């Protein structure tokens, strides 16, 4: 485990993570901080905890939407594969 420093809304935080998680944690921090800055600019009266909560909810909503789109794409791909397999079997049966 390694301690790294992340920054959210000009506040620094120490986080412990494994060496193989550092890059992902930095990318997640950048994404979260960007979302927090957007919310803070839009709703200036919110405190940092409220901004963090809204950013976490927005990011979670985005994740749920992406997972749903991935599932839909996977289902469509499976239908295409099944259709192609059927056509291949049909073509091979004719020979």
C-alpha atoms as a PDB file:
ATOM      1  CA  UNK A   1       0.000   0.000   0.000  1.00  0.00           C
ATOM      2  CA  UNK A   2       1.133   3.460  -0.847  1.00  0.00           C
ATOM      3  CA  UNK A   3      -0.243   6.789   0.368  1.00  0.00           C
ATOM      4  CA  UNK A   4      -0.908   9.344  -2.330  1.00  0.00           C
ATOM      5  CA  UNK A   5      -2.278  12.856  -2.116  1.00  0.00           C
ATOM      6  CA  UNK A   6      -5.349  13.786  -4.102  1.00  0.00           C
ATOM      7  CA  UNK A   7      -6.963  17.191  -4.406  1.00  0.00           C
ATOM      8  CA  UNK A   8     -10.677  17.893  -4.536  1.00  0.00           C
ATOM      9  CA  UNK A   9     -11.859  21.518  -4.591  1.00  0.00           C
ATOM     10  CA  UNK A  10      -8.479  22.767  -3.385  1.00  0.00           C
ATOM     11  CA  UNK A  11      -8.536  20.394  -0.410  1.00  0.00           C
ATOM     12  CA  UNK A  12      -5.833  17.767  -0.196  1.00  0.00           C
ATOM     13  CA  UNK A  13      -6.562  14.257   1.032  1.00  0.00           C
ATOM     14  CA  UNK A  14      -4.260  11.317   1.732  1.00  0.00           C
ATOM     15  CA  UNK A  15      -5.477   8.043   0.247  1.00  0.00           C
ATOM     16  CA  UNK A  16      -3.865   4.636   0.608  1.00  0.00           C
ATOM     17  CA  UNK A  17      -3.976   2.351  -2.394  1.00  0.00           C
ATOM     18  CA  UNK A  18      -1.961  -0.387  -4.029  1.00  0.00           C
ATOM     19  CA  UNK A  19       0.630   0.549  -6.650  1.00  0.00           C
ATOM     20  CA  UNK A  20      -1.512  -0.872  -9.463  1.00  0.00           C
ATOM     21  CA  UNK A  21      -4.451   1.360  -8.483  1.00  0.00           C
ATOM     22  CA  UNK A  22      -2.605   4.692  -8.498  1.00  0.00           C
ATOM     23  CA  UNK A  23      -3.264   5.651 -12.130  1.00  0.00           C
ATOM     24  CA  UNK A  24      -6.945   4.740 -11.887  1.00  0.00           C
ATOM     25  CA  UNK A  25      -7.310   6.659  -8.632  1.00  0.00           C
ATOM     26  CA  UNK A  26      -5.688   9.731 -10.169  1.00  0.00           C
ATOM     27  CA  UNK A  27      -8.006   9.522 -13.189  1.00  0.00           C
ATOM     28  CA  UNK A  28     -11.037   9.089 -10.917  1.00  0.00           C
ATOM     29  CA  UNK A  29      -9.917  12.060  -8.827  1.00  0.00           C
ATOM     30  CA  UNK A  30      -9.574  14.230 -11.926  1.00  0.00           C
ATOM     31  CA  UNK A  31     -13.057  13.231 -13.118  1.00  0.00           C
ATOM     32  CA  UNK A  32     -14.627  13.806  -9.702  1.00  0.00           C
ATOM     33  CA  UNK A  33     -12.865  17.131  -9.199  1.00  0.00           C
ATOM     34  CA  UNK A  34     -14.011  18.348 -12.619  1.00  0.00           C
ATOM     35  CA  UNK A  35     -17.606  17.392 -11.816  1.00  0.00           C
ATOM     36  CA  UNK A  36     -17.342  19.088  -8.416  1.00  0.00           C
ATOM     37  CA  UNK A  37     -16.001  22.289  -9.959  1.00  0.00           C
ATOM     38  CA  UNK A  38     -18.880  22.336 -12.461  1.00  0.00           C
ATOM     39  CA  UNK A  39     -21.419  21.930  -9.664  1.00  0.00           C
ATOM     40  CA  UNK A  40     -19.688  24.494  -7.448  1.00  0.00           C
ATOM     41  CA  UNK A  41     -19.806  27.069 -10.251  1.00  0.00           C
ATOM     42  CA  UNK A  42     -23.480  26.372 -10.905  1.00  0.00           C
ATOM     43  CA  UNK A  43     -24.573  26.280  -7.248  1.00  0.00           C
ATOM     44  CA  UNK A  44     -22.291  28.697  -5.417  1.00  0.00           C
ATOM     45  CA  UNK A  45     -24.158  28.470  -2.104  1.00  0.00           C
ATOM     46  CA  UNK A  46     -23.499  24.732  -1.609  1.00  0.00           C
ATOM     47  CA  UNK A  47     -20.833  23.629   0.824  1.00  0.00           C
ATOM     48  CA  UNK A  48     -18.144  21.151  -0.241  1.00  0.00           C
ATOM     49  CA  UNK A  49     -19.964  18.144   1.250  1.00  0.00           C
ATOM     50  CA  UNK A  50     -23.117  18.964  -0.706  1.00  0.00           C
ATOM     51  CA  UNK A  51     -21.049  19.456  -3.860  1.00  0.00           C
ATOM     52  CA  UNK A  52     -19.334  16.117  -3.269  1.00  0.00           C
ATOM     53  CA  UNK A  53     -22.681  14.392  -2.768  1.00  0.00           C
ATOM     54  CA  UNK A  54     -24.134  15.816  -5.996  1.00  0.00           C
ATOM     55  CA  UNK A  55     -20.957  14.961  -7.923  1.00  0.00           C
ATOM     56  CA  UNK A  56     -21.001  11.394  -6.577  1.00  0.00           C
ATOM     57  CA  UNK A  57     -24.658  10.989  -7.522  1.00  0.00           C
ATOM     58  CA  UNK A  58     -24.115  12.423 -11.008  1.00  0.00           C
ATOM     59  CA  UNK A  59     -21.111  10.169 -11.560  1.00  0.00           C
ATOM     60  CA  UNK A  60     -23.031   7.131 -10.301  1.00  0.00           C
ATOM     61  CA  UNK A  61     -25.932   7.998 -12.619  1.00  0.00           C
ATOM     62  CA  UNK A  62     -23.484   8.202 -15.527  1.00  0.00           C
ATOM     63  CA  UNK A  63     -22.078   4.799 -14.581  1.00  0.00           C
ATOM     64  CA  UNK A  64     -25.548   3.242 -14.444  1.00  0.00           C
ATOM     65  CA  UNK A  65     -26.369   4.715 -17.866  1.00  0.00           C
ATOM     66  CA  UNK A  66     -23.129   3.378 -19.349  1.00  0.00           C
ATOM     67  CA  UNK A  67     -23.744  -0.070 -17.887  1.00  0.00           C
ATOM     68  CA  UNK A  68     -27.227  -0.083 -19.387  1.00  0.00           C
ATOM     69  CA  UNK A  69     -25.888   0.942 -22.795  1.00  0.00           C
ATOM     70  CA  UNK A  70     -23.198  -1.746 -22.552  1.00  0.00           C
ATOM     71  CA  UNK A  71     -25.835  -4.370 -21.733  1.00  0.00           C
ATOM     72  CA  UNK A  72     -27.986  -3.239 -24.671  1.00  0.00           C
ATOM     73  CA  UNK A  73     -24.989  -3.362 -27.012  1.00  0.00           C
ATOM     74  CA  UNK A  74     -24.015  -6.811 -25.766  1.00  0.00           C
ATOM     75  CA  UNK A  75     -27.558  -8.071 -26.317  1.00  0.00           C
ATOM     76  CA  UNK A  76     -27.622  -6.668 -29.880  1.00  0.00           C
ATOM     77  CA  UNK A  77     -24.230  -8.227 -30.607  1.00  0.00           C
ATOM     78  CA  UNK A  78     -25.447 -11.599 -29.341  1.00  0.00           C
ATOM     79  CA  UNK A  79     -28.475 -11.400 -31.655  1.00  0.00           C
ATOM     80  CA  UNK A  80     -26.217 -10.559 -34.611  1.00  0.00           C
ATOM     81  CA  UNK A  81     -23.912 -13.468 -33.771  1.00  0.00           C
ATOM     82  CA  UNK A  82     -26.854 -15.855 -33.472  1.00  0.00           C
ATOM     83  CA  UNK A  83     -28.193 -14.649 -36.818  1.00  0.00           C
ATOM     84  CA  UNK A  84     -24.813 -15.087 -38.493  1.00  0.00           C
ATOM     85  CA  UNK A  85     -24.385 -18.545 -36.988  1.00  0.00           C
ATOM     86  CA  UNK A  86     -27.812 -19.512 -38.294  1.00  0.00           C
ATOM     87  CA  UNK A  87     -26.992 -18.242 -41.785  1.00  0.00           C
ATOM     88  CA  UNK A  88     -23.668 -20.082 -41.765  1.00  0.00           C
ATOM     89  CA  UNK A  89     -25.372 -23.312 -40.671  1.00  0.00           C
ATOM     90  CA  UNK A  90     -28.014 -22.866 -43.347  1.00  0.00           C
ATOM     91  CA  UNK A  91     -25.386 -22.280 -46.015  1.00  0.00           C
ATOM     92  CA  UNK A  92     -23.328 -25.284 -44.889  1.00  0.00           C
ATOM     93  CA  UNK A  93     -26.431 -27.496 -44.831  1.00  0.00           C
ATOM     94  CA  UNK A  94     -27.152 -26.711 -48.484  1.00  0.00           C
ATOM     95  CA  UNK A  95     -23.779 -28.115 -49.572  1.00  0.00           C
END
